Amino acid sequence: MKSLIVFDLDGTLAASKAAIDPEMAGLLARLLAAMKVAVISGGDMPQFQKQLVDQLPQDGDLVNLSLLPTCGTKFFRYERGWHKRYSEDLNADQKKRIVAALDAAVASAGVRAARTWGDEVEDRGSQITYSALGQQAPLVEKERWDPDFAKRKKIAALLSVSLPDFSVRMGGSTSIDVTLPGIDKAYGIRKLHEILGVPIEQMLYIGDALFPGGNDYPVRATGAECIQVANPDETKRVIEAITACERRPAFA
């Protein structure tokens, strides 16, 4: 068995920007009682708090939980409260350049949505995130806007030319995340190894975007074992299998 289970959040533990459901909360609580768990996702810490932390039993084993918001560009651990271990922030000039490149790429790709719900671009400090339908778009609209990733692949291809010195990844159902070069979920995996002392080969990563171009994809290059899931229901079955193995008695 592995020593550390690492999850993506949106599309893996919960629907996009939605809270984990009670069943998922119970399964994660059981997993945390048995081993170390980490979550790496594109959202910032307030989103993690709303979607994940506030839904977990507060008397549970939170000391076993590590949180890596904004695709691993930040790292939080629980020690009588959540404490930030690092944050790989973008500077003002970098942010300005990224926002301008995003605007130009969306216009050139010809995929700008006719209607949006909230801001399309969000400054998350260590990451700039483009959400094609806006930050508050209904889930049903998000799920049908770009189901095959074709629209975002057009944008990402243009960004690879205009922002060659940044990491550009597709995340969620309508978003694109831009971070400093080399600062992605693979970086987060390596920081988990450094901070927790867990060998990477003893990590299992579970995510819904492990395909080329997805924001989970960089993890594949780290040597961590990976499991692709389609949705939170599949993730629940994986967690059930892991906890069942943990409970299985050892034989001499």
C-alpha atoms as a PDB file:
ATOM      1  CA  MET A   1       0.000   0.000   0.000  1.00  0.00           C
ATOM      2  CA  LYS A   2       0.977   3.628  -0.507  1.00  0.00           C
ATOM      3  CA  SER A   3       1.946   6.016   2.289  1.00  0.00           C
ATOM      4  CA  LEU A   4       0.306   9.136   0.827  1.00  0.00           C
ATOM      5  CA  ILE A   5      -2.859   9.501  -1.275  1.00  0.00           C
ATOM      6  CA  VAL A   6      -3.005  12.711  -3.305  1.00  0.00           C
ATOM      7  CA  PHE A   7      -6.214  13.999  -4.887  1.00  0.00           C
ATOM      8  CA  ASP A   8      -7.290  16.637  -7.343  1.00  0.00           C
ATOM      9  CA  LEU A   9     -10.408  18.522  -6.131  1.00  0.00           C
ATOM     10  CA  ASP A  10     -12.769  19.708  -8.890  1.00  0.00           C
ATOM     11  CA  GLY A  11     -14.057  16.798 -10.955  1.00  0.00           C
ATOM     12  CA  THR A  12     -12.346  14.323  -8.629  1.00  0.00           C
ATOM     13  CA  LEU A  13     -13.594  14.901  -5.078  1.00  0.00           C
ATOM     14  CA  ALA A  14     -16.477  17.221  -5.987  1.00  0.00           C
ATOM     15  CA  ALA A  15     -18.224  18.829  -8.930  1.00  0.00           C
ATOM     16  CA  SER A  16     -16.652  22.080 -10.129  1.00  0.00           C
ATOM     17  CA  LYS A  17     -16.597  24.607  -7.238  1.00  0.00           C
ATOM     18  CA  ALA A  18     -19.131  22.512  -5.299  1.00  0.00           C
ATOM     19  CA  ALA A  19     -18.683  21.186  -1.771  1.00  0.00           C
ATOM     20  CA  ILE A  20     -17.837  17.524  -1.303  1.00  0.00           C
ATOM     21  CA  ASP A  21     -20.969  15.565  -0.417  1.00  0.00           C
ATOM     22  CA  PRO A  22     -21.513  13.805   2.958  1.00  0.00           C
ATOM     23  CA  GLU A  23     -20.531  10.413   1.549  1.00  0.00           C
ATOM     24  CA  MET A  24     -17.220  11.778   0.248  1.00  0.00           C
ATOM     25  CA  ALA A  25     -16.604  13.573   3.556  1.00  0.00           C
ATOM     26  CA  GLY A  26     -17.083  10.306   5.447  1.00  0.00           C
ATOM     27  CA  LEU A  27     -14.789   8.384   3.115  1.00  0.00           C
ATOM     28  CA  LEU A  28     -12.065  11.011   3.390  1.00  0.00           C
ATOM     29  CA  ALA A  29     -12.385  11.020   7.193  1.00  0.00           C
ATOM     30  CA  ARG A  30     -11.832   7.246   7.202  1.00  0.00           C
ATOM     31  CA  LEU A  31      -8.847   7.627   4.897  1.00  0.00           C
ATOM     32  CA  LEU A  32      -7.332  10.386   7.059  1.00  0.00           C
ATOM     33  CA  ALA A  33      -7.627   8.140  10.100  1.00  0.00           C
ATOM     34  CA  ALA A  34      -5.436   5.573   8.340  1.00  0.00           C
ATOM     35  CA  MET A  35      -2.842   7.533   6.363  1.00  0.00           C
ATOM     36  CA  LYS A  36      -1.573  10.853   5.038  1.00  0.00           C
ATOM     37  CA  VAL A  37      -3.713  12.604   2.430  1.00  0.00           C
ATOM     38  CA  ALA A  38      -3.042  15.650   0.237  1.00  0.00           C
ATOM     39  CA  VAL A  39      -5.186  17.656  -2.173  1.00  0.00           C
ATOM     40  CA  ILE A  40      -3.698  19.634  -5.083  1.00  0.00           C
ATOM     41  CA  SER A  41      -6.058  21.734  -7.197  1.00  0.00           C
ATOM     42  CA  GLY A  42      -6.355  24.975  -9.143  1.00  0.00           C
ATOM     43  CA  GLY A  43      -8.545  26.785  -6.602  1.00  0.00           C
ATOM     44  CA  ASP A  44      -7.154  29.109  -3.946  1.00  0.00           C
ATOM     45  CA  MET A  45      -7.258  28.415  -0.194  1.00  0.00           C
ATOM     46  CA  PRO A  46     -10.684  30.051   0.432  1.00  0.00           C
ATOM     47  CA  GLN A  47     -12.150  27.690  -2.178  1.00  0.00           C
ATOM     48  CA  PHE A  48     -10.469  24.709  -0.487  1.00  0.00           C
ATOM     49  CA  GLN A  49     -11.944  25.827   2.831  1.00  0.00           C
ATOM     50  CA  LYS A  50     -15.464  26.062   1.384  1.00  0.00           C
ATOM     51  CA  GLN A  51     -15.407  22.917  -0.749  1.00  0.00           C
ATOM     52  CA  LEU A  52     -13.378  20.588   1.425  1.00  0.00           C
ATOM     53  CA  VAL A  53     -12.219  21.631   4.887  1.00  0.00           C
ATOM     54  CA  ASP A  54     -15.571  22.947   6.170  1.00  0.00           C
ATOM     55  CA  GLN A  55     -17.247  19.665   5.143  1.00  0.00           C
ATOM     56  CA  LEU A  56     -14.853  17.371   7.047  1.00  0.00           C
ATOM     57  CA  PRO A  57     -15.364  16.358  10.691  1.00  0.00           C
ATOM     58  CA  GLN A  58     -13.498  19.007  12.683  1.00  0.00           C
ATOM     59  CA  ASP A  59     -12.539  16.431  15.294  1.00  0.00           C
ATOM     60  CA  GLY A  60     -10.957  14.277  12.595  1.00  0.00           C
ATOM     61  CA  ASP A  61      -7.312  13.659  11.730  1.00  0.00           C
ATOM     62  CA  LEU A  62      -6.638  16.988   9.993  1.00  0.00           C
ATOM     63  CA  VAL A  63      -2.948  16.733  10.948  1.00  0.00           C
ATOM     64  CA  ASN A  64      -2.753  14.039   8.253  1.00  0.00           C
ATOM     65  CA  LEU A  65      -4.080  16.444   5.587  1.00  0.00           C
ATOM     66  CA  SER A  66      -1.908  18.687   3.385  1.00  0.00           C
ATOM     67  CA  LEU A  67      -3.487  21.255   1.060  1.00  0.00           C
ATOM     68  CA  LEU A  68      -1.783  22.562  -2.078  1.00  0.00           C
ATOM     69  CA  PRO A  69      -3.946  25.276  -3.693  1.00  0.00           C
ATOM     70  CA  THR A  70      -3.374  26.884  -7.091  1.00  0.00           C
ATOM     71  CA  CYS A  71      -1.903  23.733  -8.682  1.00  0.00           C
ATOM     72  CA  GLY A  72       0.725  23.251  -5.983  1.00  0.00           C
ATOM     73  CA  THR A  73       2.042  26.838  -5.997  1.00  0.00           C
ATOM     74  CA  LYS A  74       0.987  27.089  -2.321  1.00  0.00           C
ATOM     75  CA  PHE A  75       1.259  24.604   0.552  1.00  0.00           C
ATOM     76  CA  PHE A  76      -0.777  24.535   3.803  1.00  0.00           C
ATOM     77  CA  ARG A  77      -0.556  22.134   6.754  1.00  0.00           C
ATOM     78  CA  TYR A  78      -2.743  21.838   9.842  1.00  0.00           C
ATOM     79  CA  GLU A  79      -1.051  22.627  13.168  1.00  0.00           C
ATOM     80  CA  ARG A  80      -3.816  23.955  15.446  1.00  0.00           C
ATOM     81  CA  GLY A  81      -5.014  25.862  12.398  1.00  0.00           C
ATOM     82  CA  TRP A  82      -3.921  26.052   8.777  1.00  0.00           C
ATOM     83  CA  HIS A  83      -0.418  27.425   8.201  1.00  0.00           C
ATOM     84  CA  LYS A  84       1.162  28.328   4.852  1.00  0.00           C
ATOM     85  CA  ARG A  85       4.533  26.714   4.194  1.00  0.00           C
ATOM     86  CA  TYR A  86       5.255  28.503   0.898  1.00  0.00           C
ATOM     87  CA  SER A  87       3.657  30.520  -1.923  1.00  0.00           C
ATOM     88  CA  GLU A  88       5.316  30.905  -5.335  1.00  0.00           C
ATOM     89  CA  ASP A  89       3.715  34.250  -6.193  1.00  0.00           C
ATOM     90  CA  LEU A  90       3.741  36.025  -9.539  1.00  0.00           C
ATOM     91  CA  ASN A  91       4.941  39.637  -9.598  1.00  0.00           C
ATOM     92  CA  ALA A  92       2.893  42.555 -10.950  1.00  0.00           C
ATOM     93  CA  ASP A  93       4.599  42.633 -14.359  1.00  0.00           C
ATOM     94  CA  GLN A  94       4.137  38.890 -14.840  1.00  0.00           C
ATOM     95  CA  LYS A  95       0.454  39.122 -13.954  1.00  0.00           C
ATOM     96  CA  LYS A  96      -0.076  41.988 -16.388  1.00  0.00           C
ATOM     97  CA  ARG A  97       1.617  40.059 -19.183  1.00  0.00           C
ATOM     98  CA  ILE A  98      -0.402  36.898 -18.514  1.00  0.00           C
ATOM     99  CA  VAL A  99      -3.732  38.737 -18.447  1.00  0.00           C
ATOM    100  CA  ALA A 100      -2.936  40.502 -21.741  1.00  0.00           C
ATOM    101  CA  ALA A 101      -1.874  37.227 -23.377  1.00  0.00           C
ATOM    102  CA  LEU A 102      -5.069  35.496 -22.191  1.00  0.00           C
ATOM    103  CA  ASP A 103      -7.258  38.246 -23.629  1.00  0.00           C
ATOM    104  CA  ALA A 104      -5.443  38.114 -26.968  1.00  0.00           C
ATOM    105  CA  ALA A 105      -5.523  34.300 -27.137  1.00  0.00           C
ATOM    106  CA  VAL A 106      -9.251  34.069 -26.397  1.00  0.00           C
ATOM    107  CA  ALA A 107     -10.002  36.696 -29.042  1.00  0.00           C
ATOM    108  CA  SER A 108      -7.739  35.026 -31.627  1.00  0.00           C
ATOM    109  CA  ALA A 109      -9.195  31.559 -30.941  1.00  0.00           C
ATOM    110  CA  GLY A 110     -12.705  32.924 -31.523  1.00  0.00           C
ATOM    111  CA  VAL A 111     -14.189  31.044 -28.573  1.00  0.00           C
ATOM    112  CA  ARG A 112     -15.241  33.866 -26.249  1.00  0.00           C
ATOM    113  CA  ALA A 113     -18.549  32.964 -24.598  1.00  0.00           C
ATOM    114  CA  ALA A 114     -21.628  35.012 -25.425  1.00  0.00           C
ATOM    115  CA  ARG A 115     -22.636  35.085 -21.750  1.00  0.00           C
ATOM    116  CA  THR A 116     -20.563  34.992 -18.587  1.00  0.00           C
ATOM    117  CA  TRP A 117     -21.289  34.809 -14.860  1.00  0.00           C
ATOM    118  CA  GLY A 118     -18.748  36.891 -12.941  1.00  0.00           C
ATOM    119  CA  ASP A 119     -15.124  37.671 -13.739  1.00  0.00           C
ATOM    120  CA  GLU A 120     -13.393  35.630 -16.434  1.00  0.00           C
ATOM    121  CA  VAL A 121      -9.891  36.226 -15.055  1.00  0.00           C
ATOM    122  CA  GLU A 122      -8.957  35.704 -11.399  1.00  0.00           C
ATOM    123  CA  ASP A 123      -5.684  36.672  -9.740  1.00  0.00           C
ATOM    124  CA  ARG A 124      -4.896  33.927  -7.223  1.00  0.00           C
ATOM    125  CA  GLY A 125      -1.517  35.383  -6.285  1.00  0.00           C
ATOM    126  CA  SER A 126       0.605  32.472  -7.438  1.00  0.00           C
ATOM    127  CA  GLN A 127      -1.660  31.680 -10.403  1.00  0.00           C
ATOM    128  CA  ILE A 128      -3.802  33.508 -12.958  1.00  0.00           C
ATOM    129  CA  THR A 129      -6.916  31.514 -13.822  1.00  0.00           C
ATOM    130  CA  TYR A 130      -9.096  32.098 -16.877  1.00  0.00           C
ATOM    131  CA  SER A 131     -12.665  30.830 -16.511  1.00  0.00           C
ATOM    132  CA  ALA A 132     -14.398  31.003 -19.886  1.00  0.00           C
ATOM    133  CA  LEU A 133     -17.918  31.442 -18.468  1.00  0.00           C
ATOM    134  CA  GLY A 134     -16.922  33.441 -15.390  1.00  0.00           C
ATOM    135  CA  GLN A 135     -16.215  32.429 -11.827  1.00  0.00           C
ATOM    136  CA  GLN A 136     -19.888  31.966 -10.859  1.00  0.00           C
ATOM    137  CA  ALA A 137     -21.183  30.093 -13.907  1.00  0.00           C
ATOM    138  CA  PRO A 138     -23.794  27.351 -13.290  1.00  0.00           C
ATOM    139  CA  LEU A 139     -22.353  23.847 -13.391  1.00  0.00           C
ATOM    140  CA  VAL A 140     -24.697  22.722 -16.178  1.00  0.00           C
ATOM    141  CA  GLU A 141     -23.464  25.558 -18.416  1.00  0.00           C
ATOM    142  CA  LYS A 142     -19.831  24.801 -17.622  1.00  0.00           C
ATOM    143  CA  GLU A 143     -20.195  21.102 -18.383  1.00  0.00           C
ATOM    144  CA  ARG A 144     -21.566  21.693 -21.888  1.00  0.00           C
ATOM    145  CA  TRP A 145     -19.318  24.570 -22.953  1.00  0.00           C
ATOM    146  CA  ASP A 146     -16.140  22.585 -23.721  1.00  0.00           C
ATOM    147  CA  PRO A 147     -16.688  18.873 -22.967  1.00  0.00           C
ATOM    148  CA  ASP A 148     -13.958  17.707 -25.361  1.00  0.00           C
ATOM    149  CA  PHE A 149     -11.457  20.457 -24.371  1.00  0.00           C
ATOM    150  CA  ALA A 150     -11.298  21.606 -28.018  1.00  0.00           C
ATOM    151  CA  LYS A 151     -11.920  25.295 -27.242  1.00  0.00           C
ATOM    152  CA  ARG A 152      -9.350  25.454 -24.471  1.00  0.00           C
ATOM    153  CA  LYS A 153      -6.803  23.557 -26.541  1.00  0.00           C
ATOM    154  CA  LYS A 154      -7.004  26.387 -29.100  1.00  0.00           C
ATOM    155  CA  ILE A 155      -6.382  28.961 -26.375  1.00  0.00           C
ATOM    156  CA  ALA A 156      -3.585  26.934 -24.787  1.00  0.00           C
ATOM    157  CA  ALA A 157      -1.825  26.491 -28.146  1.00  0.00           C
ATOM    158  CA  LEU A 158      -1.765  30.256 -28.619  1.00  0.00           C
ATOM    159  CA  LEU A 159      -0.555  30.802 -25.064  1.00  0.00           C
ATOM    160  CA  SER A 160       2.299  28.348 -25.599  1.00  0.00           C
ATOM    161  CA  VAL A 161       3.600  30.837 -28.183  1.00  0.00           C
ATOM    162  CA  SER A 162       2.882  34.090 -26.324  1.00  0.00           C
ATOM    163  CA  LEU A 163       3.829  32.760 -22.856  1.00  0.00           C
ATOM    164  CA  PRO A 164       6.613  30.235 -23.531  1.00  0.00           C
ATOM    165  CA  ASP A 165       8.230  30.931 -20.163  1.00  0.00           C
ATOM    166  CA  PHE A 166       5.152  30.055 -18.075  1.00  0.00           C
ATOM    167  CA  SER A 167       3.281  26.838 -17.295  1.00  0.00           C
ATOM    168  CA  VAL A 168      -0.139  26.693 -18.964  1.00  0.00           C
ATOM    169  CA  ARG A 169      -2.609  23.921 -18.028  1.00  0.00           C
ATOM    170  CA  MET A 170      -6.289  23.196 -18.542  1.00  0.00           C
ATOM    171  CA  GLY A 171      -8.211  22.597 -15.321  1.00  0.00           C
ATOM    172  CA  GLY A 172     -11.799  22.202 -14.164  1.00  0.00           C
ATOM    173  CA  SER A 173     -14.434  22.257 -16.881  1.00  0.00           C
ATOM    174  CA  THR A 174     -13.883  25.735 -18.379  1.00  0.00           C
ATOM    175  CA  SER A 175     -10.607  27.003 -16.935  1.00  0.00           C
ATOM    176  CA  ILE A 176      -6.980  27.520 -17.884  1.00  0.00           C
ATOM    177  CA  ASP A 177      -4.336  27.993 -15.179  1.00  0.00           C
ATOM    178  CA  VAL A 178      -1.101  29.935 -15.706  1.00  0.00           C
ATOM    179  CA  THR A 179       1.762  29.757 -13.204  1.00  0.00           C
ATOM    180  CA  LEU A 180       5.483  30.411 -13.046  1.00  0.00           C
ATOM    181  CA  PRO A 181       7.542  28.049 -15.234  1.00  0.00           C
ATOM    182  CA  GLY A 182       7.963  24.628 -13.689  1.00  0.00           C
ATOM    183  CA  ILE A 183       5.484  25.433 -10.915  1.00  0.00           C
ATOM    184  CA  ASP A 184       2.698  22.926 -11.436  1.00  0.00           C
ATOM    185  CA  LYS A 185       1.287  19.796  -9.805  1.00  0.00           C
ATOM    186  CA  ALA A 186       4.560  17.950 -10.380  1.00  0.00           C
ATOM    187  CA  TYR A 187       6.234  20.681  -8.336  1.00  0.00           C
ATOM    188  CA  GLY A 188       3.598  20.072  -5.655  1.00  0.00           C
ATOM    189  CA  ILE A 189       4.385  16.347  -5.610  1.00  0.00           C
ATOM    190  CA  ARG A 190       8.076  17.074  -5.154  1.00  0.00           C
ATOM    191  CA  LYS A 191       7.301  19.529  -2.323  1.00  0.00           C
ATOM    192  CA  LEU A 192       5.194  16.857  -0.610  1.00  0.00           C
ATOM    193  CA  HIS A 193       8.240  14.601  -0.748  1.00  0.00           C
ATOM    194  CA  GLU A 194      10.473  17.359   0.614  1.00  0.00           C
ATOM    195  CA  ILE A 195       8.171  18.544   3.421  1.00  0.00           C
ATOM    196  CA  LEU A 196       6.551  15.265   4.477  1.00  0.00           C
ATOM    197  CA  GLY A 197       9.504  12.999   3.740  1.00  0.00           C
ATOM    198  CA  VAL A 198       7.353  10.535   1.794  1.00  0.00           C
ATOM    199  CA  PRO A 199       9.137   8.893  -1.172  1.00  0.00           C
ATOM    200  CA  ILE A 200       7.402   9.751  -4.432  1.00  0.00           C
ATOM    201  CA  GLU A 201       7.065   6.063  -5.312  1.00  0.00           C
ATOM    202  CA  GLN A 202       4.992   5.736  -2.134  1.00  0.00           C
ATOM    203  CA  MET A 203       2.444   8.278  -3.420  1.00  0.00           C
ATOM    204  CA  LEU A 204      -0.781   7.560  -5.309  1.00  0.00           C
ATOM    205  CA  TYR A 205      -2.307  10.439  -7.295  1.00  0.00           C
ATOM    206  CA  ILE A 206      -6.001  10.426  -8.244  1.00  0.00           C
ATOM    207  CA  GLY A 207      -7.348  12.971 -10.726  1.00  0.00           C
ATOM    208  CA  ASP A 208      -9.693  13.567 -13.638  1.00  0.00           C
ATOM    209  CA  ALA A 209      -7.283  15.528 -15.890  1.00  0.00           C
ATOM    210  CA  LEU A 210      -4.281  13.211 -16.248  1.00  0.00           C
ATOM    211  CA  PHE A 211      -4.408  13.478 -20.055  1.00  0.00           C
ATOM    212  CA  PRO A 212      -1.808  15.533 -22.018  1.00  0.00           C
ATOM    213  CA  GLY A 213      -2.514  19.223 -21.437  1.00  0.00           C
ATOM    214  CA  GLY A 214      -4.634  18.592 -18.331  1.00  0.00           C
ATOM    215  CA  ASN A 215      -3.482  20.233 -15.119  1.00  0.00           C
ATOM    216  CA  ASP A 216      -3.021  16.797 -13.494  1.00  0.00           C
ATOM    217  CA  TYR A 217      -0.808  15.563 -16.341  1.00  0.00           C
ATOM    218  CA  PRO A 218       2.557  16.838 -14.991  1.00  0.00           C
ATOM    219  CA  VAL A 219       2.215  14.394 -12.075  1.00  0.00           C
ATOM    220  CA  ARG A 220       2.789  11.468 -14.464  1.00  0.00           C
ATOM    221  CA  ALA A 221       6.413  12.561 -14.969  1.00  0.00           C
ATOM    222  CA  THR A 222       7.230  12.445 -11.243  1.00  0.00           C
ATOM    223  CA  GLY A 223       7.125   8.673 -10.801  1.00  0.00           C
ATOM    224  CA  ALA A 224       4.040   8.755  -8.581  1.00  0.00           C
ATOM    225  CA  GLU A 225       1.463   6.095  -9.435  1.00  0.00           C
ATOM    226  CA  CYS A 226      -1.632   7.684 -11.020  1.00  0.00           C
ATOM    227  CA  ILE A 227      -5.289   6.724 -11.347  1.00  0.00           C
ATOM    228  CA  GLN A 228      -7.531   8.545 -13.828  1.00  0.00           C
ATOM    229  CA  VAL A 229     -11.143   8.971 -12.707  1.00  0.00           C
ATOM    230  CA  ALA A 230     -14.133  10.332 -14.595  1.00  0.00           C
ATOM    231  CA  ASN A 231     -15.992  11.885 -11.657  1.00  0.00           C
ATOM    232  CA  PRO A 232     -16.346  11.913  -7.848  1.00  0.00           C
ATOM    233  CA  ASP A 233     -18.378   8.694  -7.849  1.00  0.00           C
ATOM    234  CA  GLU A 234     -15.424   6.821  -9.352  1.00  0.00           C
ATOM    235  CA  THR A 235     -13.156   8.442  -6.756  1.00  0.00           C
ATOM    236  CA  LYS A 236     -15.412   7.141  -3.969  1.00  0.00           C
ATOM    237  CA  ARG A 237     -15.002   3.599  -5.233  1.00  0.00           C
ATOM    238  CA  VAL A 238     -11.213   4.020  -5.317  1.00  0.00           C
ATOM    239  CA  ILE A 239     -11.198   5.315  -1.719  1.00  0.00           C
ATOM    240  CA  GLU A 240     -13.373   2.413  -0.641  1.00  0.00           C
ATOM    241  CA  ALA A 241     -10.880  -0.012  -2.189  1.00  0.00           C
ATOM    242  CA  ILE A 242      -7.955   1.702  -0.448  1.00  0.00           C
ATOM    243  CA  THR A 243      -9.616   1.696   2.966  1.00  0.00           C
ATOM    244  CA  ALA A 244     -10.675  -1.937   2.507  1.00  0.00           C
ATOM    245  CA  CYS A 245      -7.036  -2.877   1.852  1.00  0.00           C
ATOM    246  CA  GLU A 246      -5.975  -0.933   4.948  1.00  0.00           C
ATOM    247  CA  ARG A 247      -8.411  -2.914   7.074  1.00  0.00           C
ATOM    248  CA  ARG A 248      -7.397  -6.283   5.596  1.00  0.00           C
ATOM    249  CA  PRO A 249      -5.443  -8.349   8.157  1.00  0.00           C
ATOM    250  CA  ALA A 250      -1.830  -9.152   7.364  1.00  0.00           C
ATOM    251  CA  PHE A 251      -0.823 -12.828   7.053  1.00  0.00           C
ATOM    252  CA  ALA A 252       2.486 -14.241   8.170  1.00  0.00           C
END
